[in-house]
Amino acid sequence: RVPTKDACRYCLLRKGFSRISEAMLSVDLHCEQEMLGKVYAVLSKRRAKVQGEVLREGTSIFYVHAFLPLANSFDLARQLRQAASGHVTFHMAFSHWELSEEDPFQSLGSPEDLEEMGDQPPPPNTARKLVDDIRKRKGLPTDEKVVKDATKQRTVTRMK
């Protein structure tokens, strides 16, 4: 017998209404014009959404405003300062919760869809990656394969 709460949860998952809400940080950056490209490279690796940039009158300093997922904000200071040689200052604060567009439980599709993709791997599902990272951190099981190539087995023997 299945409790009502579990039955409702199962029905919602089967209908495809599962989405993840991510905490977003508001990031305000100040950097020189020469370092702007390097700063954008660091932000784009971390899935930041740049809202705008403004050049301060009479100087070559740019103000950049962006939203950054909290899960991608760790070690940002070190990477920004390393990329911009220390010529960047920034401030981060919680901004809002954002609903992810991807379904974390989306299947890869039918065998025909996989055949159409050919040798290309399926596109990464960031919502699924977030769920797996949280499950790993909490010590819960994930769908990740531990052994990738089980055909090669080595036995270590000692020479006598």
N, C-alpha and C. Protein backbone atom coordinates (compact mmCIF):
# COMPACT_ATOMS: atom_id res chain seq x y z
N ARG A 1 0.83 -1.17 0.00
CA ARG A 1 0.00 0.00 0.00
C ARG A 1 0.88 1.25 0.00
N VAL A 2 0.59 2.22 -0.87
CA VAL A 2 1.39 3.43 -1.03
C VAL A 2 0.70 4.61 -0.35
N PRO A 3 1.43 5.34 0.51
CA PRO A 3 0.82 6.52 1.14
C PRO A 3 0.43 7.56 0.09
N THR A 4 -0.56 8.37 0.41
CA THR A 4 -1.08 9.37 -0.52
C THR A 4 0.00 10.38 -0.92
N LYS A 5 0.80 10.80 0.04
CA LYS A 5 1.85 11.77 -0.25
C LYS A 5 2.83 11.22 -1.30
N ASP A 6 3.25 9.97 -1.15
CA ASP A 6 4.17 9.36 -2.11
C ASP A 6 3.51 9.16 -3.46
N ALA A 7 2.23 8.85 -3.48
CA ALA A 7 1.52 8.67 -4.75
C ALA A 7 1.42 9.99 -5.50
N CYS A 8 1.14 11.09 -4.78
CA CYS A 8 1.08 12.41 -5.42
C CYS A 8 2.44 12.81 -5.96
N ARG A 9 3.49 12.58 -5.17
CA ARG A 9 4.84 12.91 -5.62
C ARG A 9 5.20 12.12 -6.87
N TYR A 10 4.85 10.84 -6.90
CA TYR A 10 5.15 10.00 -8.05
C TYR A 10 4.40 10.49 -9.29
N CYS A 11 3.14 10.87 -9.14
CA CYS A 11 2.35 11.37 -10.28
C CYS A 11 2.94 12.66 -10.83
N LEU A 12 3.37 13.57 -9.96
CA LEU A 12 3.97 14.82 -10.44
C LEU A 12 5.27 14.55 -11.20
N LEU A 13 6.07 13.63 -10.70
CA LEU A 13 7.32 13.31 -11.39
C LEU A 13 7.04 12.67 -12.75
N ARG A 14 6.03 11.86 -12.84
CA ARG A 14 5.70 11.19 -14.10
C ARG A 14 5.15 12.18 -15.13
N LYS A 15 4.47 13.23 -14.68
CA LYS A 15 3.92 14.22 -15.61
C LYS A 15 4.97 15.21 -16.10
N GLY A 16 6.13 15.23 -15.47
CA GLY A 16 7.20 16.09 -15.93
C GLY A 16 7.17 17.50 -15.38
N PHE A 17 6.62 17.69 -14.20
CA PHE A 17 6.55 19.02 -13.63
C PHE A 17 7.68 19.29 -12.64
N SER A 18 8.67 18.45 -12.62
CA SER A 18 9.74 18.63 -11.65
C SER A 18 10.75 19.65 -12.17
N ARG A 19 10.98 20.67 -11.40
CA ARG A 19 11.96 21.70 -11.72
C ARG A 19 12.72 22.03 -10.45
N ILE A 20 13.87 22.62 -10.61
CA ILE A 20 14.72 22.97 -9.48
C ILE A 20 14.77 24.48 -9.36
N SER A 21 14.66 24.98 -8.15
CA SER A 21 14.84 26.41 -7.89
C SER A 21 16.27 26.61 -7.42
N GLU A 22 16.97 27.52 -8.09
CA GLU A 22 18.36 27.80 -7.75
C GLU A 22 18.47 29.17 -7.12
N ALA A 23 19.28 29.28 -6.09
CA ALA A 23 19.55 30.58 -5.49
C ALA A 23 20.49 31.35 -6.41
N MET A 24 20.14 32.60 -6.68
CA MET A 24 20.95 33.45 -7.56
C MET A 24 21.55 34.60 -6.75
N LEU A 25 22.80 34.89 -7.03
CA LEU A 25 23.49 35.99 -6.38
C LEU A 25 23.60 37.16 -7.34
N SER A 26 23.48 38.35 -6.81
CA SER A 26 23.71 39.56 -7.60
C SER A 26 25.19 39.91 -7.45
N VAL A 27 25.89 40.05 -8.58
CA VAL A 27 27.32 40.32 -8.58
C VAL A 27 27.56 41.68 -9.24
N ASP A 28 28.24 42.55 -8.54
CA ASP A 28 28.64 43.85 -9.08
C ASP A 28 30.16 43.87 -9.15
N LEU A 29 30.69 44.02 -10.37
CA LEU A 29 32.13 43.99 -10.60
C LEU A 29 32.63 45.35 -11.06
N HIS A 30 33.86 45.68 -10.68
CA HIS A 30 34.56 46.87 -11.18
C HIS A 30 35.89 46.38 -11.72
N CYS A 31 36.16 46.65 -12.99
CA CYS A 31 37.43 46.21 -13.57
C CYS A 31 37.87 47.16 -14.67
N GLU A 32 39.13 47.09 -15.00
CA GLU A 32 39.69 47.89 -16.08
C GLU A 32 39.22 47.35 -17.43
N GLN A 33 39.27 48.19 -18.44
CA GLN A 33 38.81 47.80 -19.78
C GLN A 33 39.65 46.65 -20.33
N GLU A 34 40.95 46.64 -20.04
CA GLU A 34 41.83 45.58 -20.56
C GLU A 34 41.48 44.22 -19.98
N MET A 35 40.91 44.19 -18.80
CA MET A 35 40.61 42.93 -18.11
C MET A 35 39.18 42.45 -18.35
N LEU A 36 38.39 43.21 -19.10
CA LEU A 36 36.98 42.89 -19.27
C LEU A 36 36.75 41.54 -19.93
N GLY A 37 37.53 41.20 -20.94
CA GLY A 37 37.38 39.92 -21.62
C GLY A 37 37.67 38.74 -20.71
N LYS A 38 38.70 38.88 -19.88
CA LYS A 38 39.07 37.80 -18.95
C LYS A 38 38.01 37.61 -17.87
N VAL A 39 37.42 38.73 -17.44
CA VAL A 39 36.35 38.66 -16.43
C VAL A 39 35.12 37.98 -17.03
N TYR A 40 34.78 38.31 -18.27
CA TYR A 40 33.65 37.67 -18.92
C TYR A 40 33.89 36.18 -19.12
N ALA A 41 35.12 35.77 -19.38
CA ALA A 41 35.44 34.35 -19.55
C ALA A 41 35.19 33.59 -18.25
N VAL A 42 35.61 34.16 -17.13
CA VAL A 42 35.38 33.51 -15.83
C VAL A 42 33.89 33.42 -15.53
N LEU A 43 33.15 34.51 -15.79
CA LEU A 43 31.72 34.52 -15.51
C LEU A 43 30.96 33.53 -16.39
N SER A 44 31.34 33.42 -17.66
CA SER A 44 30.61 32.51 -18.56
C SER A 44 30.85 31.05 -18.20
N LYS A 45 32.02 30.72 -17.67
CA LYS A 45 32.28 29.34 -17.22
C LYS A 45 31.38 28.97 -16.05
N ARG A 46 30.92 29.97 -15.32
CA ARG A 46 30.11 29.73 -14.13
C ARG A 46 28.63 29.99 -14.35
N ARG A 47 28.18 30.02 -15.57
CA ARG A 47 26.77 30.19 -15.95
C ARG A 47 26.18 31.51 -15.46
N ALA A 48 26.99 32.56 -15.42
CA ALA A 48 26.51 33.87 -15.00
C ALA A 48 25.72 34.52 -16.13
N LYS A 49 24.70 35.28 -15.77
CA LYS A 49 23.89 36.03 -16.74
C LYS A 49 24.18 37.50 -16.55
N VAL A 50 24.94 38.06 -17.47
CA VAL A 50 25.32 39.47 -17.38
C VAL A 50 24.11 40.33 -17.73
N GLN A 51 23.78 41.25 -16.85
CA GLN A 51 22.62 42.12 -17.04
C GLN A 51 23.00 43.42 -17.73
N GLY A 52 24.22 43.87 -17.51
CA GLY A 52 24.64 45.10 -18.15
C GLY A 52 26.03 45.51 -17.72
N GLU A 53 26.60 46.41 -18.50
CA GLU A 53 27.91 46.97 -18.19
C GLU A 53 27.87 48.46 -18.50
N VAL A 54 28.55 49.22 -17.66
CA VAL A 54 28.57 50.67 -17.81
C VAL A 54 30.00 51.14 -17.66
N LEU A 55 30.42 52.01 -18.58
CA LEU A 55 31.75 52.62 -18.51
C LEU A 55 31.66 53.89 -17.66
N ARG A 56 32.53 53.98 -16.67
CA ARG A 56 32.55 55.17 -15.81
C ARG A 56 33.18 56.32 -16.60
N GLU A 57 32.51 57.46 -16.61
CA GLU A 57 32.95 58.63 -17.38
C GLU A 57 34.35 59.09 -16.95
N GLY A 58 35.21 59.33 -17.93
CA GLY A 58 36.53 59.85 -17.66
C GLY A 58 37.56 58.82 -17.24
N THR A 59 37.17 57.57 -17.11
CA THR A 59 38.11 56.51 -16.73
C THR A 59 37.94 55.32 -17.66
N SER A 60 38.75 54.31 -17.47
CA SER A 60 38.60 53.07 -18.25
C SER A 60 38.06 51.96 -17.38
N ILE A 61 37.32 52.31 -16.33
CA ILE A 61 36.76 51.32 -15.41
C ILE A 61 35.33 50.99 -15.84
N PHE A 62 35.06 49.69 -15.94
CA PHE A 62 33.73 49.21 -16.27
C PHE A 62 33.05 48.68 -15.02
N TYR A 63 31.76 48.97 -14.90
CA TYR A 63 30.90 48.36 -13.88
C TYR A 63 30.08 47.29 -14.57
N VAL A 64 30.15 46.08 -14.09
CA VAL A 64 29.41 44.96 -14.67
C VAL A 64 28.44 44.42 -13.62
N HIS A 65 27.19 44.25 -14.02
CA HIS A 65 26.17 43.68 -13.13
C HIS A 65 25.72 42.35 -13.71
N ALA A 66 25.74 41.29 -12.88
CA ALA A 66 25.37 39.95 -13.36
C ALA A 66 24.67 39.18 -12.26
N PHE A 67 23.97 38.12 -12.67
CA PHE A 67 23.38 37.16 -11.74
C PHE A 67 24.13 35.85 -11.87
N LEU A 68 24.52 35.28 -10.74
CA LEU A 68 25.34 34.07 -10.71
C LEU A 68 24.68 33.03 -9.82
N PRO A 69 24.56 31.77 -10.30
CA PRO A 69 24.01 30.72 -9.43
C PRO A 69 24.92 30.51 -8.21
N LEU A 70 24.31 30.33 -7.06
CA LEU A 70 25.06 30.16 -5.82
C LEU A 70 25.98 28.95 -5.89
N ALA A 71 25.52 27.87 -6.52
CA ALA A 71 26.33 26.65 -6.59
C ALA A 71 27.61 26.86 -7.39
N ASN A 72 27.65 27.87 -8.26
CA ASN A 72 28.83 28.14 -9.07
C ASN A 72 29.66 29.30 -8.52
N SER A 73 29.36 29.78 -7.34
CA SER A 73 30.04 30.97 -6.82
C SER A 73 31.26 30.64 -5.96
N PHE A 74 31.46 29.39 -5.60
CA PHE A 74 32.56 29.04 -4.73
C PHE A 74 33.89 29.20 -5.46
N ASP A 75 34.86 29.82 -4.80
CA ASP A 75 36.21 30.06 -5.32
C ASP A 75 36.21 31.07 -6.47
N LEU A 76 35.16 31.87 -6.56
CA LEU A 76 35.09 32.89 -7.62
C LEU A 76 36.13 33.97 -7.41
N ALA A 77 36.38 34.38 -6.18
CA ALA A 77 37.33 35.46 -5.91
C ALA A 77 38.72 35.09 -6.42
N ARG A 78 39.16 33.89 -6.13
CA ARG A 78 40.50 33.47 -6.55
C ARG A 78 40.61 33.45 -8.07
N GLN A 79 39.59 32.90 -8.74
CA GLN A 79 39.65 32.80 -10.20
C GLN A 79 39.59 34.18 -10.87
N LEU A 80 38.75 35.06 -10.35
CA LEU A 80 38.66 36.41 -10.93
C LEU A 80 39.97 37.17 -10.75
N ARG A 81 40.54 37.10 -9.56
CA ARG A 81 41.78 37.83 -9.31
C ARG A 81 42.95 37.22 -10.07
N GLN A 82 42.91 35.90 -10.26
CA GLN A 82 43.97 35.26 -11.03
C GLN A 82 43.87 35.64 -12.50
N ALA A 83 42.65 35.65 -13.04
CA ALA A 83 42.46 35.98 -14.45
C ALA A 83 42.75 37.45 -14.73
N ALA A 84 42.37 38.32 -13.81
CA ALA A 84 42.52 39.76 -14.02
C ALA A 84 43.74 40.32 -13.31
N SER A 85 44.63 39.47 -12.86
CA SER A 85 45.87 39.89 -12.18
C SER A 85 45.59 40.81 -10.99
N GLY A 86 44.50 40.58 -10.30
CA GLY A 86 44.16 41.36 -9.11
C GLY A 86 43.49 42.69 -9.39
N HIS A 87 43.27 43.03 -10.66
CA HIS A 87 42.69 44.33 -11.00
C HIS A 87 41.17 44.24 -11.11
N VAL A 88 40.52 43.61 -10.15
CA VAL A 88 39.06 43.50 -10.15
C VAL A 88 38.57 43.54 -8.71
N THR A 89 37.48 44.24 -8.49
CA THR A 89 36.81 44.21 -7.20
C THR A 89 35.35 43.87 -7.46
N PHE A 90 34.76 43.17 -6.52
CA PHE A 90 33.37 42.78 -6.72
C PHE A 90 32.65 42.63 -5.39
N HIS A 91 31.35 42.63 -5.49
CA HIS A 91 30.47 42.46 -4.33
C HIS A 91 29.36 41.50 -4.73
N MET A 92 29.10 40.50 -3.87
CA MET A 92 28.03 39.53 -4.13
C MET A 92 27.03 39.56 -2.98
N ALA A 93 25.75 39.41 -3.33
CA ALA A 93 24.68 39.33 -2.34
C ALA A 93 23.55 38.50 -2.92
N PHE A 94 22.77 37.86 -2.05
CA PHE A 94 21.64 37.07 -2.52
C PHE A 94 20.65 37.98 -3.24
N SER A 95 20.14 37.49 -4.38
CA SER A 95 19.21 38.31 -5.16
C SER A 95 17.82 37.69 -5.20
N HIS A 96 17.71 36.46 -5.72
CA HIS A 96 16.40 35.85 -5.89
C HIS A 96 16.55 34.35 -6.13
N TRP A 97 15.41 33.68 -6.17
CA TRP A 97 15.36 32.26 -6.56
C TRP A 97 14.93 32.20 -8.01
N GLU A 98 15.58 31.34 -8.79
CA GLU A 98 15.25 31.21 -10.20
C GLU A 98 14.90 29.76 -10.52
N LEU A 99 13.80 29.58 -11.24
CA LEU A 99 13.35 28.24 -11.61
C LEU A 99 14.13 27.76 -12.83
N SER A 100 14.70 26.59 -12.72
CA SER A 100 15.47 26.03 -13.82
C SER A 100 14.55 25.60 -14.95
N GLU A 101 14.98 25.79 -16.19
CA GLU A 101 14.18 25.41 -17.35
C GLU A 101 14.30 23.93 -17.68
N GLU A 102 15.34 23.28 -17.18
CA GLU A 102 15.58 21.88 -17.51
C GLU A 102 14.92 20.96 -16.50
N ASP A 103 14.50 19.80 -17.00
CA ASP A 103 13.93 18.77 -16.15
C ASP A 103 15.05 17.87 -15.67
N PRO A 104 15.27 17.76 -14.35
CA PRO A 104 16.37 16.93 -13.88
C PRO A 104 16.16 15.43 -14.13
N PHE A 105 14.95 15.02 -14.39
CA PHE A 105 14.66 13.61 -14.60
C PHE A 105 14.35 13.30 -16.06
N GLN A 106 14.78 14.18 -16.97
CA GLN A 106 14.52 13.98 -18.39
C GLN A 106 15.34 12.79 -18.89
N SER A 107 14.68 11.92 -19.64
CA SER A 107 15.38 10.77 -20.20
C SER A 107 16.10 11.21 -21.47
N LEU A 108 17.03 10.40 -21.92
CA LEU A 108 17.81 10.74 -23.10
C LEU A 108 17.01 10.65 -24.38
N GLY A 109 15.87 10.02 -24.34
CA GLY A 109 15.03 9.91 -25.53
C GLY A 109 15.00 8.49 -26.06
N SER A 110 14.34 8.34 -27.19
CA SER A 110 14.19 7.03 -27.79
C SER A 110 15.48 6.63 -28.50
N PRO A 111 15.63 5.35 -28.84
CA PRO A 111 16.83 4.93 -29.57
C PRO A 111 16.98 5.65 -30.92
N GLU A 112 15.85 6.05 -31.53
CA GLU A 112 15.93 6.79 -32.80
C GLU A 112 16.56 8.17 -32.59
N ASP A 113 16.19 8.83 -31.48
CA ASP A 113 16.78 10.13 -31.18
C ASP A 113 18.28 10.02 -30.94
N LEU A 114 18.68 8.97 -30.21
CA LEU A 114 20.09 8.76 -29.95
C LEU A 114 20.85 8.45 -31.23
N GLU A 115 20.20 7.75 -32.15
CA GLU A 115 20.84 7.42 -33.42
C GLU A 115 21.04 8.68 -34.27
N GLU A 116 20.08 9.61 -34.21
CA GLU A 116 20.20 10.86 -34.96
C GLU A 116 21.36 11.72 -34.48
N MET A 117 21.66 11.65 -33.18
CA MET A 117 22.77 12.43 -32.65
C MET A 117 24.11 11.89 -33.12
N GLY A 118 24.17 10.63 -33.45
CA GLY A 118 25.41 10.04 -33.94
C GLY A 118 26.43 9.90 -32.83
N ASP A 119 27.65 10.33 -33.12
CA ASP A 119 28.74 10.20 -32.16
C ASP A 119 28.75 11.30 -31.11
N GLN A 120 27.91 12.32 -31.31
CA GLN A 120 27.88 13.42 -30.36
C GLN A 120 27.25 12.97 -29.05
N PRO A 121 27.86 13.35 -27.94
CA PRO A 121 27.24 13.01 -26.65
C PRO A 121 25.98 13.85 -26.45
N PRO A 122 25.05 13.37 -25.63
CA PRO A 122 23.84 14.16 -25.38
C PRO A 122 24.22 15.47 -24.68
N PRO A 123 23.43 16.52 -24.90
CA PRO A 123 23.75 17.80 -24.25
C PRO A 123 23.70 17.67 -22.73
N PRO A 124 24.58 18.38 -22.02
CA PRO A 124 24.61 18.25 -20.55
C PRO A 124 23.34 18.80 -19.92
N ASN A 125 22.85 18.11 -18.92
CA ASN A 125 21.67 18.53 -18.18
C ASN A 125 22.15 19.12 -16.86
N THR A 126 22.18 20.45 -16.75
CA THR A 126 22.72 21.09 -15.55
C THR A 126 21.84 20.84 -14.33
N ALA A 127 20.54 20.70 -14.52
CA ALA A 127 19.65 20.43 -13.39
C ALA A 127 19.97 19.04 -12.81
N ARG A 128 20.22 18.07 -13.69
CA ARG A 128 20.56 16.72 -13.22
C ARG A 128 21.90 16.73 -12.50
N LYS A 129 22.84 17.52 -13.01
CA LYS A 129 24.16 17.61 -12.38
C LYS A 129 24.03 18.20 -10.98
N LEU A 130 23.17 19.21 -10.82
CA LEU A 130 22.94 19.80 -9.49
C LEU A 130 22.37 18.78 -8.52
N VAL A 131 21.39 18.00 -8.99
CA VAL A 131 20.77 16.98 -8.14
C VAL A 131 21.81 15.94 -7.74
N ASP A 132 22.63 15.50 -8.70
CA ASP A 132 23.65 14.49 -8.40
C ASP A 132 24.69 15.02 -7.43
N ASP A 133 25.10 16.28 -7.58
CA ASP A 133 26.08 16.87 -6.67
C ASP A 133 25.52 16.94 -5.24
N ILE A 134 24.27 17.30 -5.10
CA ILE A 134 23.64 17.38 -3.78
C ILE A 134 23.54 15.98 -3.17
N ARG A 135 23.16 14.99 -3.99
CA ARG A 135 23.05 13.63 -3.48
C ARG A 135 24.41 13.09 -3.06
N LYS A 136 25.45 13.38 -3.81
CA LYS A 136 26.81 12.95 -3.42
C LYS A 136 27.23 13.59 -2.11
N ARG A 137 26.96 14.90 -1.98
CA ARG A 137 27.35 15.61 -0.77
C ARG A 137 26.64 15.06 0.46
N LYS A 138 25.41 14.59 0.28
CA LYS A 138 24.66 14.04 1.40
C LYS A 138 24.90 12.55 1.61
N GLY A 139 25.68 11.93 0.71
CA GLY A 139 25.98 10.50 0.85
C GLY A 139 24.88 9.60 0.33
N LEU A 140 24.03 10.11 -0.54
CA LEU A 140 22.93 9.32 -1.11
C LEU A 140 23.38 8.71 -2.44
N PRO A 141 22.74 7.62 -2.87
CA PRO A 141 23.15 6.99 -4.14
C PRO A 141 22.78 7.85 -5.34
N THR A 142 23.60 7.74 -6.40
CA THR A 142 23.34 8.43 -7.66
C THR A 142 23.34 7.41 -8.79
N ASP A 143 23.00 7.87 -9.99
CA ASP A 143 22.98 6.98 -11.15
C ASP A 143 24.32 6.91 -11.85
N GLU A 144 25.35 7.47 -11.25
CA GLU A 144 26.66 7.52 -11.87
C GLU A 144 27.31 6.14 -11.88
N LYS A 145 27.92 5.81 -13.00
CA LYS A 145 28.63 4.54 -13.11
C LYS A 145 30.00 4.68 -12.45
N VAL A 146 30.32 3.73 -11.59
CA VAL A 146 31.60 3.77 -10.91
C VAL A 146 32.68 3.20 -11.82
N VAL A 147 32.38 2.11 -12.51
CA VAL A 147 33.33 1.46 -13.40
C VAL A 147 32.96 1.83 -14.83
N LYS A 148 33.91 2.42 -15.56
CA LYS A 148 33.63 2.81 -16.94
C LYS A 148 34.04 1.73 -17.92
N ASP A 149 35.23 1.16 -17.74
CA ASP A 149 35.72 0.09 -18.61
C ASP A 149 36.00 -1.13 -17.76
N ALA A 150 35.08 -2.06 -17.73
CA ALA A 150 35.27 -3.26 -16.93
C ALA A 150 35.95 -4.37 -17.72
N THR A 151 36.26 -4.13 -18.98
CA THR A 151 36.87 -5.19 -19.79
C THR A 151 38.35 -5.36 -19.48
N LYS A 152 39.00 -4.29 -19.02
CA LYS A 152 40.41 -4.38 -18.71
C LYS A 152 40.59 -4.61 -17.22
N GLN A 153 41.04 -5.78 -16.88
CA GLN A 153 41.27 -6.10 -15.48
C GLN A 153 42.72 -6.50 -15.33
N ARG A 154 43.38 -5.93 -14.37
CA ARG A 154 44.77 -6.26 -14.12
C ARG A 154 44.89 -6.96 -12.80
N THR A 155 45.72 -7.96 -12.77
CA THR A 155 46.03 -8.64 -11.53
C THR A 155 47.48 -8.37 -11.20
N VAL A 156 47.69 -7.90 -10.04
CA VAL A 156 49.06 -7.59 -9.63
C VAL A 156 49.65 -8.82 -8.99
N THR A 157 50.73 -9.31 -9.58
CA THR A 157 51.42 -10.47 -9.02
C THR A 157 52.85 -10.09 -8.70
N ARG A 158 53.39 -10.79 -7.74
CA ARG A 158 54.77 -10.53 -7.37
C ARG A 158 55.69 -11.50 -8.11
N MET A 159 56.80 -10.99 -8.51
CA MET A 159 57.80 -11.84 -9.14
C MET A 159 58.50 -12.64 -8.05
N LYS A 160 58.64 -13.96 -8.25
CA LYS A 160 59.29 -14.82 -7.25
C LYS A 160 60.65 -15.22 -7.69
